[in-house]
PDB file of N, CA and C in Angstrom:
ATOM      1  N   MET A   1       7.883  -0.984   9.981  1.00  0.00           N
ATOM      2  CA  MET A   1       7.911  -0.245  11.164  1.00  0.00           C
ATOM      3  C   MET A   1       9.241  -0.732  11.701  1.00  0.00           C
ATOM      4  N   LEU A   2      10.210  -0.128  12.328  1.00  0.00           N
ATOM      5  CA  LEU A   2      11.153  -0.833  13.040  1.00  0.00           C
ATOM      6  C   LEU A   2      10.997  -1.098  14.370  1.00  0.00           C
ATOM      7  N   ARG A   3      11.510  -2.022  14.926  1.00  0.00           N
ATOM      8  CA  ARG A   3      11.367  -2.420  16.458  1.00  0.00           C
ATOM      9  C   ARG A   3      11.741  -1.090  17.367  1.00  0.00           C
ATOM     10  N   PRO A   4      11.120  -1.120  18.571  1.00  0.00           N
ATOM     11  CA  PRO A   4      11.581  -0.055  19.391  1.00  0.00           C
ATOM     12  C   PRO A   4      13.290  -0.150  19.744  1.00  0.00           C
ATOM     13  N   ASN A   5      13.691  -1.270  19.753  1.00  0.00           N
ATOM     14  CA  ASN A   5      15.192  -1.170  20.190  1.00  0.00           C
ATOM     15  C   ASN A   5      16.203  -1.092  18.895  1.00  0.00           C
ATOM     16  N   ALA A   6      15.613  -0.702  17.657  1.00  0.00           N
ATOM     17  CA  ALA A   6      16.456  -0.614  16.603  1.00  0.00           C
ATOM     18  C   ALA A   6      17.319   0.546  16.758  1.00  0.00           C
ATOM     19  N   PRO A   7      18.532   0.581  16.290  1.00  0.00           N
ATOM     20  CA  PRO A   7      19.736   1.773  16.440  1.00  0.00           C
ATOM     21  C   PRO A   7      19.075   2.816  15.756  1.00  0.00           C
ATOM     22  N   ARG A   8      19.430   4.013  16.262  1.00  0.00           N
ATOM     23  CA  ARG A   8      19.166   5.317  15.650  1.00  0.00           C
ATOM     24  C   ARG A   8      19.609   5.492  14.233  1.00  0.00           C
ATOM     25  N   GLN A   9      20.965   4.891  13.955  1.00  0.00           N
ATOM     26  CA  GLN A   9      21.497   4.961  12.636  1.00  0.00           C
ATOM     27  C   GLN A   9      20.503   4.112  11.540  1.00  0.00           C
ATOM     28  N   LEU A  10      19.871   3.180  12.092  1.00  0.00           N
ATOM     29  CA  LEU A  10      19.057   2.352  11.201  1.00  0.00           C
ATOM     30  C   LEU A  10      17.652   3.160  10.762  1.00  0.00           C
ATOM     31  N   ALA A  11      17.228   3.810  11.943  1.00  0.00           N
ATOM     32  CA  ALA A  11      15.971   4.727  11.374  1.00  0.00           C
ATOM     33  C   ALA A  11      16.400   5.808  10.557  1.00  0.00           C
ATOM     34  N   GLU A  12      17.546   6.389  10.677  1.00  0.00           N
ATOM     35  CA  GLU A  12      18.019   7.565   9.894  1.00  0.00           C
ATOM     36  C   GLU A  12      18.341   7.146   8.374  1.00  0.00           C
ATOM     37  N   PHE A  13      18.777   5.840   8.196  1.00  0.00           N
ATOM     38  CA  PHE A  13      18.973   5.141   6.959  1.00  0.00           C
ATOM     39  C   PHE A  13      17.593   4.861   6.454  1.00  0.00           C
ATOM     40  N   GLN A  14      16.586   4.413   7.004  1.00  0.00           N
ATOM     41  CA  GLN A  14      15.313   4.022   6.529  1.00  0.00           C
ATOM     42  C   GLN A  14      14.553   5.328   6.069  1.00  0.00           C
ATOM     43  N   GLU A  15      14.824   6.284   6.795  1.00  0.00           N
ATOM     44  CA  GLU A  15      14.256   7.647   6.439  1.00  0.00           C
ATOM     45  C   GLU A  15      14.753   8.184   5.216  1.00  0.00           C
ATOM     46  N   SER A  16      16.049   8.089   5.022  1.00  0.00           N
ATOM     47  CA  SER A  16      16.941   8.564   3.928  1.00  0.00           C
ATOM     48  C   SER A  16      16.344   7.722   2.584  1.00  0.00           C
ATOM     49  N   TYR A  17      16.407   6.192   2.672  1.00  0.00           N
ATOM     50  CA  TYR A  17      16.051   5.479   1.697  1.00  0.00           C
ATOM     51  C   TYR A  17      14.503   5.720   1.237  1.00  0.00           C
ATOM     52  N   HIS A  18      13.630   6.067   2.074  1.00  0.00           N
ATOM     53  CA  HIS A  18      12.210   6.131   1.689  1.00  0.00           C
ATOM     54  C   HIS A  18      12.098   7.516   0.953  1.00  0.00           C
ATOM     55  N   LYS A  19      12.811   8.534   1.554  1.00  0.00           N
ATOM     56  CA  LYS A  19      12.884   9.843   0.741  1.00  0.00           C
ATOM     57  C   LYS A  19      13.462   9.781  -0.617  1.00  0.00           C
ATOM     58  N   GLU A  20      14.503   8.893  -0.944  1.00  0.00           N
ATOM     59  CA  GLU A  20      15.077   8.832  -2.112  1.00  0.00           C
ATOM     60  C   GLU A  20      14.096   7.951  -3.020  1.00  0.00           C
ATOM     61  N   LEU A  21      13.427   7.031  -2.531  1.00  0.00           N
ATOM     62  CA  LEU A  21      12.401   6.314  -3.433  1.00  0.00           C
ATOM     63  C   LEU A  21      11.146   7.396  -3.792  1.00  0.00           C
ATOM     64  N   ALA A  22      10.751   8.026  -2.870  1.00  0.00           N
ATOM     65  CA  ALA A  22       9.773   9.164  -3.161  1.00  0.00           C
ATOM     66  C   ALA A  22      10.135  10.169  -4.071  1.00  0.00           C
ATOM     67  N   LYS A  23      11.477  10.350  -4.346  1.00  0.00           N
ATOM     68  CA  LYS A  23      11.892  11.360  -5.159  1.00  0.00           C
ATOM     69  C   LYS A  23      11.754  10.765  -6.639  1.00  0.00           C
ATOM     70  N   TYR A  24      11.988   9.539  -6.809  1.00  0.00           N
ATOM     71  CA  TYR A  24      11.723   8.925  -8.056  1.00  0.00           C
ATOM     72  C   TYR A  24      10.403   8.174  -8.238  1.00  0.00           C
ATOM     73  N   LYS A  25       9.526   8.394  -7.247  1.00  0.00           N
ATOM     74  CA  LYS A  25       8.073   7.869  -7.241  1.00  0.00           C
ATOM     75  C   LYS A  25       7.941   6.347  -7.535  1.00  0.00           C
ATOM     76  N   VAL A  26       8.776   5.647  -6.758  1.00  0.00           N
ATOM     77  CA  VAL A  26       8.875   4.065  -6.981  1.00  0.00           C
ATOM     78  C   VAL A  26       8.512   3.432  -5.559  1.00  0.00           C
ATOM     79  N   ASN A  27       8.002   2.236  -5.693  1.00  0.00           N
ATOM     80  CA  ASN A  27       7.477   1.345  -4.732  1.00  0.00           C
ATOM     81  C   ASN A  27       8.754   0.806  -4.183  1.00  0.00           C
ATOM     82  N   PRO A  28       8.750   0.661  -2.798  1.00  0.00           N
ATOM     83  CA  PRO A  28       9.962  -0.048  -2.188  1.00  0.00           C
ATOM     84  C   PRO A  28       9.668  -1.523  -2.623  1.00  0.00           C
ATOM     85  N   ILE A  29       8.688  -2.220  -2.725  1.00  0.00           N
ATOM     86  CA  ILE A  29       8.648  -3.623  -3.234  1.00  0.00           C
ATOM     87  C   ILE A  29       9.051  -3.783  -4.586  1.00  0.00           C
ATOM     88  N   ASP A  30       8.750  -2.940  -5.548  1.00  0.00           N
ATOM     89  CA  ASP A  30       9.334  -2.953  -6.769  1.00  0.00           C
ATOM     90  C   ASP A  30      11.007  -2.822  -6.845  1.00  0.00           C
ATOM     91  N   VAL A  31      11.391  -1.901  -5.939  1.00  0.00           N
ATOM     92  CA  VAL A  31      13.032  -1.746  -5.714  1.00  0.00           C
ATOM     93  C   VAL A  31      13.591  -3.130  -5.388  1.00  0.00           C
ATOM     94  N   SER A  32      12.862  -3.712  -4.249  1.00  0.00           N
ATOM     95  CA  SER A  32      13.428  -4.872  -3.851  1.00  0.00           C
ATOM     96  C   SER A  32      13.372  -6.169  -4.760  1.00  0.00           C
ATOM     97  N   PHE A  33      12.099  -6.137  -5.590  1.00  0.00           N
ATOM     98  CA  PHE A  33      11.944  -7.069  -6.623  1.00  0.00           C
ATOM     99  C   PHE A  33      13.083  -6.981  -7.801  1.00  0.00           C
ATOM    100  N   THR A  34      13.356  -5.744  -8.237  1.00  0.00           N
ATOM    101  CA  THR A  34      14.319  -5.387  -9.268  1.00  0.00           C
ATOM    102  C   THR A  34      15.598  -5.726  -8.823  1.00  0.00           C
ATOM    103  N   PHE A  35      16.013  -5.302  -7.764  1.00  0.00           N
ATOM    104  CA  PHE A  35      17.487  -5.689  -7.039  1.00  0.00           C
ATOM    105  C   PHE A  35      17.603  -7.177  -7.135  1.00  0.00           C
ATOM    106  N   ALA A  36      16.689  -7.890  -6.511  1.00  0.00           N
ATOM    107  CA  ALA A  36      16.703  -9.381  -6.481  1.00  0.00           C
ATOM    108  C   ALA A  36      16.836 -10.123  -7.872  1.00  0.00           C
ATOM    109  N   CYS A  37      16.024  -9.576  -8.870  1.00  0.00           N
ATOM    110  CA  CYS A  37      15.937 -10.221 -10.156  1.00  0.00           C
ATOM    111  C   CYS A  37      17.206  -9.801 -11.085  1.00  0.00           C
ATOM    112  N   ARG A  38      17.858  -8.763 -10.744  1.00  0.00           N
ATOM    113  CA  ARG A  38      19.062  -8.171 -11.550  1.00  0.00           C
ATOM    114  C   ARG A  38      20.366  -8.535 -10.794  1.00  0.00           C
ATOM    115  N   ASN A  39      20.245  -9.255  -9.874  1.00  0.00           N
ATOM    116  CA  ASN A  39      21.400  -9.845  -9.077  1.00  0.00           C
ATOM    117  C   ASN A  39      21.967 -10.944  -9.659  1.00  0.00           C
ATOM    118  N   LYS A  40      22.993 -10.936 -10.176  1.00  0.00           N
ATOM    119  CA  LYS A  40      23.439 -12.319 -10.842  1.00  0.00           C
ATOM    120  C   LYS A  40      23.676 -13.422  -9.998  1.00  0.00           C
ATOM    121  N   SER A  41      23.909 -13.238  -8.736  1.00  0.00           N
ATOM    122  CA  SER A  41      24.067 -14.265  -7.761  1.00  0.00           C
ATOM    123  C   SER A  41      22.828 -14.775  -7.264  1.00  0.00           C
ATOM    124  N   THR A  42      21.744 -14.186  -7.430  1.00  0.00           N
ATOM    125  CA  THR A  42      20.479 -14.674  -6.867  1.00  0.00           C
ATOM    126  C   THR A  42      19.735 -15.646  -7.880  1.00  0.00           C
ATOM    127  N   ASP A  43      19.607 -16.797  -7.252  1.00  0.00           N
ATOM    128  CA  ASP A  43      18.912 -18.051  -8.034  1.00  0.00           C
ATOM    129  C   ASP A  43      17.386 -17.937  -7.959  1.00  0.00           C
ATOM    130  N   PHE A  44      16.945 -17.565  -6.689  1.00  0.00           N
ATOM    131  CA  PHE A  44      15.601 -17.554  -6.388  1.00  0.00           C
ATOM    132  C   PHE A  44      15.435 -16.543  -4.881  1.00  0.00           C
ATOM    133  N   PHE A  45      14.439 -16.274  -4.701  1.00  0.00           N
ATOM    134  CA  PHE A  45      14.129 -15.438  -3.517  1.00  0.00           C
ATOM    135  C   PHE A  45      12.802 -15.771  -2.826  1.00  0.00           C
ATOM    136  N   ILE A  46      12.841 -15.504  -1.542  1.00  0.00           N
ATOM    137  CA  ILE A  46      11.863 -16.014  -0.576  1.00  0.00           C
ATOM    138  C   ILE A  46      11.312 -14.569   0.058  1.00  0.00           C
ATOM    139  N   PHE A  47       9.876 -14.499  -0.006  1.00  0.00           N
ATOM    140  CA  PHE A  47       9.499 -13.312   0.628  1.00  0.00           C
ATOM    141  C   PHE A  47       8.349 -13.601   1.707  1.00  0.00           C
ATOM    142  N   GLY A  48       8.184 -12.869   2.709  1.00  0.00           N
ATOM    143  CA  GLY A  48       7.144 -13.022   3.679  1.00  0.00           C
ATOM    144  C   GLY A  48       6.101 -11.969   3.636  1.00  0.00           C
ATOM    145  N   VAL A  49       4.847 -12.204   3.942  1.00  0.00           N
ATOM    146  CA  VAL A  49       3.960 -11.092   3.892  1.00  0.00           C
ATOM    147  C   VAL A  49       3.146 -11.184   5.303  1.00  0.00           C
ATOM    148  N   ASP A  50       2.477 -10.002   5.442  1.00  0.00           N
ATOM    149  CA  ASP A  50       1.815  -9.825   6.582  1.00  0.00           C
ATOM    150  C   ASP A  50       0.370  -9.969   6.572  1.00  0.00           C
ATOM    151  N   SER A  51      -0.220 -10.000   5.271  1.00  0.00           N
ATOM    152  CA  SER A  51      -1.632  -9.876   4.912  1.00  0.00           C
ATOM    153  C   SER A  51      -1.857 -10.323   3.625  1.00  0.00           C
ATOM    154  N   SER A  52      -3.267 -10.597   3.191  1.00  0.00           N
ATOM    155  CA  SER A  52      -3.454 -10.953   1.964  1.00  0.00           C
ATOM    156  C   SER A  52      -3.297  -9.768   0.840  1.00  0.00           C
ATOM    157  N   GLN A  53      -3.457  -8.555   1.533  1.00  0.00           N
ATOM    158  CA  GLN A  53      -3.348  -7.398   0.688  1.00  0.00           C
ATOM    159  C   GLN A  53      -1.870  -7.247   0.448  1.00  0.00           C
ATOM    160  N   HIS A  54      -1.029  -7.504   1.438  1.00  0.00           N
ATOM    161  CA  HIS A  54       0.506  -7.538   1.172  1.00  0.00           C
ATOM    162  C   HIS A  54       0.855  -8.388   0.050  1.00  0.00           C
ATOM    163  N   LEU A  55       0.378  -9.593   0.138  1.00  0.00           N
ATOM    164  CA  LEU A  55       0.719 -10.672  -0.997  1.00  0.00           C
ATOM    165  C   LEU A  55       0.406 -10.183  -2.321  1.00  0.00           C
ATOM    166  N   ILE A  56      -0.818  -9.585  -2.343  1.00  0.00           N
ATOM    167  CA  ILE A  56      -1.258  -9.040  -3.700  1.00  0.00           C
ATOM    168  C   ILE A  56      -0.319  -7.775  -4.227  1.00  0.00           C
ATOM    169  N   GLU A  57       0.281  -7.031  -3.347  1.00  0.00           N
ATOM    170  CA  GLU A  57       0.991  -6.060  -3.738  1.00  0.00           C
ATOM    171  C   GLU A  57       2.483  -6.663  -4.112  1.00  0.00           C
ATOM    172  N   VAL A  58       2.913  -7.771  -3.528  1.00  0.00           N
ATOM    173  CA  VAL A  58       4.112  -8.508  -3.849  1.00  0.00           C
ATOM    174  C   VAL A  58       3.939  -8.995  -5.149  1.00  0.00           C
ATOM    175  N   LEU A  59       2.906  -9.652  -5.344  1.00  0.00           N
ATOM    176  CA  LEU A  59       2.713 -10.429  -6.766  1.00  0.00           C
ATOM    177  C   LEU A  59       2.388  -9.345  -7.966  1.00  0.00           C
ATOM    178  N   GLN A  60       2.175  -8.282  -7.599  1.00  0.00           N
ATOM    179  CA  GLN A  60       2.014  -7.383  -8.591  1.00  0.00           C
ATOM    180  C   GLN A  60       3.208  -6.341  -8.783  1.00  0.00           C
ATOM    181  N   ALA A  61       4.504  -6.621  -8.230  1.00  0.00           N
ATOM    182  CA  ALA A  61       5.568  -6.024  -8.292  1.00  0.00           C
ATOM    183  C   ALA A  61       6.190  -5.967  -9.746  1.00  0.00           C
ATOM    184  N   GLU A  62       6.743  -4.847 -10.076  1.00  0.00           N
ATOM    185  CA  GLU A  62       7.207  -4.579 -11.348  1.00  0.00           C
ATOM    186  C   GLU A  62       8.611  -4.292 -11.479  1.00  0.00           C
ATOM    187  N   MET A  63       9.240  -4.579 -12.532  1.00  0.00           N
ATOM    188  CA  MET A  63      10.822  -4.344 -12.670  1.00  0.00           C
ATOM    189  C   MET A  63      10.679  -2.792 -13.014  1.00  0.00           C
ATOM    190  N   LEU A  64      11.704  -2.099 -12.294  1.00  0.00           N
ATOM    191  CA  LEU A  64      12.101  -0.648 -12.620  1.00  0.00           C
ATOM    192  C   LEU A  64      12.703  -0.440 -13.904  1.00  0.00           C
ATOM    193  N   GLU A  65      12.474   0.844 -14.375  1.00  0.00           N
ATOM    194  CA  GLU A  65      13.253   1.058 -15.666  1.00  0.00           C
ATOM    195  C   GLU A  65      14.703   0.883 -15.574  1.00  0.00           C
ATOM    196  N   PRO A  66      15.313   0.606 -16.608  1.00  0.00           N
ATOM    197  CA  PRO A  66      16.836   0.457 -16.496  1.00  0.00           C
ATOM    198  C   PRO A  66      17.410   1.842 -16.051  1.00  0.00           C
ATOM    199  N   GLY A  67      18.353   1.716 -15.118  1.00  0.00           N
ATOM    200  CA  GLY A  67      19.120   2.784 -14.631  1.00  0.00           C
ATOM    201  C   GLY A  67      18.612   3.399 -13.582  1.00  0.00           C
ATOM    202  N   ILE A  68      17.275   3.240 -13.138  1.00  0.00           N
ATOM    203  CA  ILE A  68      16.736   3.904 -12.002  1.00  0.00           C
ATOM    204  C   ILE A  68      17.251   3.234 -10.726  1.00  0.00           C
ATOM    205  N   LEU A  69      17.351   1.938 -10.673  1.00  0.00           N
ATOM    206  CA  LEU A  69      17.690   1.235  -9.433  1.00  0.00           C
ATOM    207  C   LEU A  69      19.269   1.691  -9.145  1.00  0.00           C
ATOM    208  N   GLU A  70      20.140   1.723 -10.125  1.00  0.00           N
ATOM    209  CA  GLU A  70      21.489   2.187  -9.980  1.00  0.00           C
ATOM    210  C   GLU A  70      21.550   3.726  -9.168  1.00  0.00           C
ATOM    211  N   VAL A  71      20.594   4.541  -9.956  1.00  0.00           N
ATOM    212  CA  VAL A  71      20.644   5.896  -9.382  1.00  0.00           C
ATOM    213  C   VAL A  71      20.337   5.901  -7.901  1.00  0.00           C
ATOM    214  N   ILE A  72      19.313   5.205  -7.602  1.00  0.00           N
ATOM    215  CA  ILE A  72      18.578   5.038  -6.202  1.00  0.00           C
ATOM    216  C   ILE A  72      19.877   4.587  -5.192  1.00  0.00           C
ATOM    217  N   LEU A  73      20.339   3.398  -5.649  1.00  0.00           N
ATOM    218  CA  LEU A  73      21.428   2.920  -4.792  1.00  0.00           C
ATOM    219  C   LEU A  73      22.612   3.765  -4.637  1.00  0.00           C
ATOM    220  N   ASP A  74      23.051   4.706  -5.665  1.00  0.00           N
ATOM    221  CA  ASP A  74      24.034   5.485  -5.597  1.00  0.00           C
ATOM    222  C   ASP A  74      23.906   6.658  -4.669  1.00  0.00           C
ATOM    223  N   ASN A  75      22.494   7.059  -4.353  1.00  0.00           N
ATOM    224  CA  ASN A  75      22.079   8.222  -3.695  1.00  0.00           C
ATOM    225  C   ASN A  75      21.770   7.885  -2.194  1.00  0.00           C
ATOM    226  N   ILE A  76      21.605   6.651  -1.863  1.00  0.00           N
ATOM    227  CA  ILE A  76      21.224   6.314  -0.559  1.00  0.00           C
ATOM    228  C   ILE A  76      22.588   6.319   0.272  1.00  0.00           C
ATOM    229  N   PRO A  77      22.421   6.600   1.575  1.00  0.00           N
ATOM    230  CA  PRO A  77      23.788   6.642   2.259  1.00  0.00           C
ATOM    231  C   PRO A  77      24.110   5.197   2.748  1.00  0.00           C
ATOM    232  N   ARG A  78      25.408   4.841   2.881  1.00  0.00           N
ATOM    233  CA  ARG A  78      25.727   3.656   3.332  1.00  0.00           C
ATOM    234  C   ARG A  78      25.774   3.635   4.867  1.00  0.00           C
ATOM    235  N   VAL A  79      25.378   2.343   5.166  1.00  0.00           N
ATOM    236  CA  VAL A  79      25.253   2.032   6.705  1.00  0.00           C
ATOM    237  C   VAL A  79      26.127   0.947   6.953  1.00  0.00           C
ATOM    238  N   CYS A  80      26.591   1.036   8.144  1.00  0.00           N
ATOM    239  CA  CYS A  80      27.534  -0.151   8.647  1.00  0.00           C
ATOM    240  C   CYS A  80      26.660  -1.528   8.826  1.00  0.00           C
ATOM    241  N   PRO A  81      27.107  -2.579   8.315  1.00  0.00           N
ATOM    242  CA  PRO A  81      26.238  -3.816   8.239  1.00  0.00           C
ATOM    243  C   PRO A  81      25.902  -4.314   9.590  1.00  0.00           C
ATOM    244  N   LEU A  82      26.669  -3.968  10.656  1.00  0.00           N
ATOM    245  CA  LEU A  82      26.083  -4.296  11.955  1.00  0.00           C
ATOM    246  C   LEU A  82      24.813  -3.699  12.344  1.00  0.00           C
ATOM    247  N   VAL A  83      24.574  -2.436  11.858  1.00  0.00           N
ATOM    248  CA  VAL A  83      23.344  -1.782  12.071  1.00  0.00           C
ATOM    249  C   VAL A  83      22.051  -2.523  11.460  1.00  0.00           C
ATOM    250  N   LEU A  84      22.419  -3.241  10.474  1.00  0.00           N
ATOM    251  CA  LEU A  84      21.367  -3.965   9.731  1.00  0.00           C
ATOM    252  C   LEU A  84      20.992  -5.474  10.463  1.00  0.00           C
ATOM    253  N   ASP A  85      21.928  -5.848  11.269  1.00  0.00           N
ATOM    254  CA  ASP A  85      21.650  -7.040  11.986  1.00  0.00           C
ATOM    255  C   ASP A  85      21.078  -7.052  13.228  1.00  0.00           C
ATOM    256  N   PRO A  86      19.865  -7.478  13.613  1.00  0.00           N
ATOM    257  CA  PRO A  86      19.249  -7.226  14.926  1.00  0.00           C
ATOM    258  C   PRO A  86      19.903  -7.804  15.963  1.00  0.00           C
ATOM    259  N   ARG A  87      20.804  -8.922  15.786  1.00  0.00           N
ATOM    260  CA  ARG A  87      21.472  -9.618  16.782  1.00  0.00           C
ATOM    261  C   ARG A  87      22.565  -8.702  17.323  1.00  0.00           C
ATOM    262  N   THR A  88      22.871  -7.533  16.629  1.00  0.00           N
ATOM    263  CA  THR A  88      24.017  -6.715  17.229  1.00  0.00           C
ATOM    264  C   THR A  88      23.480  -5.421  17.751  1.00  0.00           C
ATOM    265  N   TRP A  89      22.100  -5.340  17.602  1.00  0.00           N
ATOM    266  CA  TRP A  89      21.472  -3.910  18.218  1.00  0.00           C
ATOM    267  C   TRP A  89      21.911  -3.540  19.567  1.00  0.00           C
ATOM    268  N   GLY A  90      22.197  -4.521  20.493  1.00  0.00           N
ATOM    269  CA  GLY A  90      22.794  -3.846  21.714  1.00  0.00           C
ATOM    270  C   GLY A  90      24.033  -3.568  21.678  1.00  0.00           C
ATOM    271  N   THR A  91      24.963  -3.649  20.775  1.00  0.00           N
ATOM    272  CA  THR A  91      26.301  -3.320  20.612  1.00  0.00           C
ATOM    273  C   THR A  91      26.605  -2.182  19.666  1.00  0.00           C
ATOM    274  N   VAL A  92      25.545  -1.803  18.944  1.00  0.00           N
ATOM    275  CA  VAL A  92      26.071  -0.615  17.948  1.00  0.00           C
ATOM    276  C   VAL A  92      25.293   0.744  18.504  1.00  0.00           C
TER     277      VAL A  92
END
């Protein structure tokens, strides 16, 4: 869930992103896990969880089939990097 002061563009991006994931019936955690694992510049990653159930979901993450991540990334709209940074939310 987004913070109440999040920009409208971020809410629209989030909605488009989740619609795209639903179209391919993939879990957002699996998408994030696959992205991090396949990124050649990633040596390791750290994640945070809100509950023990959330931890279980993260630990059960699975890699997506080859090609699906690329299709998803090609189909989601681009968003200005400032919109992703909470420090700039009062300016965008």
